[in-house]
Amino acid sequence: MTLEAIKEAIVQLPEEERLALESWLAKAWDAQIENDFSPGGAGMALLEEVDAQIEAGNFGHFKVTRPRE
């Protein structure tokens, strides 16, 4: 099945089923993120690097400005 066929099938789902699919995908995404950023996960090296950079003082405050009107 192609991506385009999947998209077309999703568009044709009744709203209730699209919402159920959205919920299922969100839960799967959350589980993957949690797994990646748990000890031993693929994202832990990135978090450790960021922590080291923060401890080394390599980060500062963002300059806060007002948006243009």
Protein backbone atom coordinates (compact mmCIF):
# COMPACT_ATOMS: atom_id res chain seq x y z
CA MET A 1 0.00 0.00 0.00
CA THR A 2 1.35 3.43 -0.88
CA LEU A 3 1.40 6.50 1.33
CA GLU A 4 -1.07 8.20 -0.99
CA ALA A 5 -3.47 5.26 -0.68
CA ILE A 6 -3.20 5.42 3.11
CA LYS A 7 -3.88 9.17 3.09
CA GLU A 8 -6.91 8.69 0.86
CA ALA A 9 -8.24 5.91 3.11
CA ILE A 10 -7.82 8.13 6.18
CA VAL A 11 -9.65 11.02 4.54
CA GLN A 12 -12.58 8.72 3.83
CA LEU A 13 -12.87 7.44 7.42
CA PRO A 14 -15.83 8.61 9.48
CA GLU A 15 -14.85 11.32 11.96
CA GLU A 16 -15.10 8.97 14.95
CA GLU A 17 -12.65 6.53 13.35
CA ARG A 18 -10.26 9.35 12.34
CA LEU A 19 -10.25 10.55 15.95
CA ALA A 20 -9.55 7.01 17.17
CA LEU A 21 -6.67 6.75 14.69
CA GLU A 22 -5.32 10.12 15.83
CA SER A 23 -5.43 8.98 19.45
CA TRP A 24 -3.68 5.70 18.61
CA LEU A 25 -0.92 7.51 16.68
CA ALA A 26 -0.43 10.04 19.50
CA LYS A 27 -0.07 7.25 22.06
CA ALA A 28 2.40 5.39 19.82
CA TRP A 29 4.41 8.61 19.32
CA ASP A 30 4.46 9.33 23.06
CA ALA A 31 5.62 5.78 23.80
CA GLN A 32 8.44 6.09 21.26
CA ILE A 33 9.59 9.45 22.67
CA GLU A 34 9.50 8.06 26.21
CA ASN A 35 11.50 5.03 25.10
CA ASP A 36 14.06 7.16 23.23
CA PHE A 37 14.67 9.46 26.19
CA SER A 38 14.73 6.80 28.92
CA PRO A 39 18.01 5.35 30.19
CA GLY A 40 19.63 3.43 27.35
CA GLY A 41 17.40 5.06 24.74
CA ALA A 42 18.59 6.56 21.47
CA GLY A 43 18.05 10.13 22.68
CA MET A 44 19.95 9.84 25.95
CA ALA A 45 23.30 10.78 24.38
CA LEU A 46 21.74 14.03 23.17
CA LEU A 47 20.31 14.82 26.62
CA GLU A 48 23.65 14.06 28.25
CA GLU A 49 25.43 16.39 25.80
CA VAL A 50 22.94 19.19 26.48
CA ASP A 51 23.34 18.69 30.25
CA ALA A 52 27.13 18.87 29.87
CA GLN A 53 26.88 22.06 27.81
CA ILE A 54 24.58 23.64 30.40
CA GLU A 55 26.93 22.69 33.25
CA ALA A 56 29.85 24.14 31.27
CA GLY A 57 27.99 27.46 31.06
CA ASN A 58 27.62 27.35 27.29
CA PHE A 59 23.99 28.41 27.35
CA GLY A 60 22.54 31.79 28.21
CA HIS A 61 19.15 33.40 28.52
CA PHE A 62 17.11 34.10 25.44
CA LYS A 63 16.56 37.76 24.64
CA VAL A 64 12.86 38.40 25.12
CA THR A 65 11.34 40.89 22.72
CA ARG A 66 7.83 41.91 21.89
CA PRO A 67 6.44 40.82 18.54
CA ARG A 68 5.99 43.52 15.95
CA GLU A 69 2.46 44.74 15.51
